[in-house]
Amino acid sequence: MFIKVVPNTKGAKGTCFCYLVESYRENGKIKHRTLKNFGLLEDDQVPFLKAMYAKKKPRLVYEDEA
């Protein structure tokens, strides 16, 4: 499974449509199946969405080093 990001070319700039997609094979061909539609999101929200569904969870908040 992965997050598929499709840029919004007709609407507001800096937005995209996001989907949770599963890859599978049918008769030897690779296909994608949409599991969840997240709808229209801003570009700065996409890394958080990808991190939520990542196998290895990245650290998104860093403490300032003094």
C-alpha atoms as a PDB file:
ATOM      1  CA  MET A   1       0.000   0.000   0.000  1.00  0.00           C
ATOM      2  CA  PHE A   2       1.109   3.533  -0.654  1.00  0.00           C
ATOM      3  CA  ILE A   3      -0.198   7.086  -0.861  1.00  0.00           C
ATOM      4  CA  LYS A   4      -0.811   8.240  -4.426  1.00  0.00           C
ATOM      5  CA  VAL A   5      -0.558  12.015  -4.847  1.00  0.00           C
ATOM      6  CA  VAL A   6      -2.180  13.633  -7.897  1.00  0.00           C
ATOM      7  CA  PRO A   7      -1.532  17.386  -8.354  1.00  0.00           C
ATOM      8  CA  ASN A   8      -4.610  19.578  -8.718  1.00  0.00           C
ATOM      9  CA  THR A   9      -4.225  21.248 -12.117  1.00  0.00           C
ATOM     10  CA  LYS A  10      -7.666  22.858 -12.379  1.00  0.00           C
ATOM     11  CA  GLY A  11      -8.232  24.249  -8.897  1.00  0.00           C
ATOM     12  CA  ALA A  12      -6.254  26.106  -6.287  1.00  0.00           C
ATOM     13  CA  LYS A  13      -2.480  25.981  -6.632  1.00  0.00           C
ATOM     14  CA  GLY A  14      -0.592  24.179  -3.892  1.00  0.00           C
ATOM     15  CA  THR A  15      -3.233  21.470  -3.515  1.00  0.00           C
ATOM     16  CA  CYS A  16      -3.452  17.822  -4.558  1.00  0.00           C
ATOM     17  CA  PHE A  17      -5.736  14.816  -4.362  1.00  0.00           C
ATOM     18  CA  CYS A  18      -4.510  11.907  -2.234  1.00  0.00           C
ATOM     19  CA  TYR A  19      -5.495   8.241  -2.303  1.00  0.00           C
ATOM     20  CA  LEU A  20      -4.523   5.133  -0.344  1.00  0.00           C
ATOM     21  CA  VAL A  21      -3.701   2.624  -3.093  1.00  0.00           C
ATOM     22  CA  GLU A  22      -2.964  -1.109  -3.069  1.00  0.00           C
ATOM     23  CA  SER A  23      -0.885  -2.779  -5.790  1.00  0.00           C
ATOM     24  CA  TYR A  24      -1.840  -6.222  -7.053  1.00  0.00           C
ATOM     25  CA  ARG A  25      -1.316  -8.492 -10.062  1.00  0.00           C
ATOM     26  CA  GLU A  26      -4.045  -9.727 -12.361  1.00  0.00           C
ATOM     27  CA  ASN A  27      -3.101 -12.053 -15.224  1.00  0.00           C
ATOM     28  CA  GLY A  28       0.549 -11.026 -14.889  1.00  0.00           C
ATOM     29  CA  LYS A  29      -0.218  -7.292 -15.120  1.00  0.00           C
ATOM     30  CA  ILE A  30       0.328  -4.872 -12.259  1.00  0.00           C
ATOM     31  CA  LYS A  31      -2.792  -2.934 -11.273  1.00  0.00           C
ATOM     32  CA  HIS A  32      -3.778  -0.489  -8.552  1.00  0.00           C
ATOM     33  CA  ARG A  33      -6.877  -0.578  -6.405  1.00  0.00           C
ATOM     34  CA  THR A  34      -8.024   2.553  -4.509  1.00  0.00           C
ATOM     35  CA  LEU A  35      -8.823   1.714  -0.896  1.00  0.00           C
ATOM     36  CA  LYS A  36      -9.470   5.211   0.503  1.00  0.00           C
ATOM     37  CA  ASN A  37      -9.919   8.638  -1.036  1.00  0.00           C
ATOM     38  CA  PHE A  38      -8.573  11.399   1.206  1.00  0.00           C
ATOM     39  CA  GLY A  39      -9.802  14.143  -1.099  1.00  0.00           C
ATOM     40  CA  LEU A  40      -8.265  17.550  -1.690  1.00  0.00           C
ATOM     41  CA  LEU A  41      -5.310  18.373   0.582  1.00  0.00           C
ATOM     42  CA  GLU A  42      -2.738  21.139   0.729  1.00  0.00           C
ATOM     43  CA  ASP A  43       0.835  20.275  -0.247  1.00  0.00           C
ATOM     44  CA  ASP A  44       2.144  20.767   3.289  1.00  0.00           C
ATOM     45  CA  GLN A  45      -0.278  18.101   4.632  1.00  0.00           C
ATOM     46  CA  VAL A  46       0.997  15.330   2.339  1.00  0.00           C
ATOM     47  CA  PRO A  47       4.171  14.402   4.328  1.00  0.00           C
ATOM     48  CA  PHE A  48       2.074  13.863   7.457  1.00  0.00           C
ATOM     49  CA  LEU A  49      -0.361  11.645   5.558  1.00  0.00           C
ATOM     50  CA  LYS A  50       2.516   9.596   4.111  1.00  0.00           C
ATOM     51  CA  ALA A  51       4.094   9.274   7.560  1.00  0.00           C
ATOM     52  CA  MET A  52       0.833   7.997   9.011  1.00  0.00           C
ATOM     53  CA  TYR A  53       0.813   5.034   6.587  1.00  0.00           C
ATOM     54  CA  ALA A  54       4.595   4.417   6.469  1.00  0.00           C
ATOM     55  CA  LYS A  55       5.975   1.046   7.595  1.00  0.00           C
ATOM     56  CA  LYS A  56       8.843   2.676   9.459  1.00  0.00           C
ATOM     57  CA  LYS A  57       7.437   5.686  11.283  1.00  0.00           C
ATOM     58  CA  PRO A  58       9.594   8.797  10.708  1.00  0.00           C
ATOM     59  CA  ARG A  59      10.145  11.393  13.373  1.00  0.00           C
ATOM     60  CA  LEU A  60       8.231  14.502  12.293  1.00  0.00           C
ATOM     61  CA  VAL A  61       8.827  16.755  15.305  1.00  0.00           C
ATOM     62  CA  TYR A  62      12.399  17.658  16.198  1.00  0.00           C
ATOM     63  CA  GLU A  63      13.515  19.312  19.403  1.00  0.00           C
ATOM     64  CA  ASP A  64      15.745  22.369  19.100  1.00  0.00           C
ATOM     65  CA  GLU A  65      19.324  21.640  20.045  1.00  0.00           C
ATOM     66  CA  ALA A  66      20.705  24.188  22.493  1.00  0.00           C
END
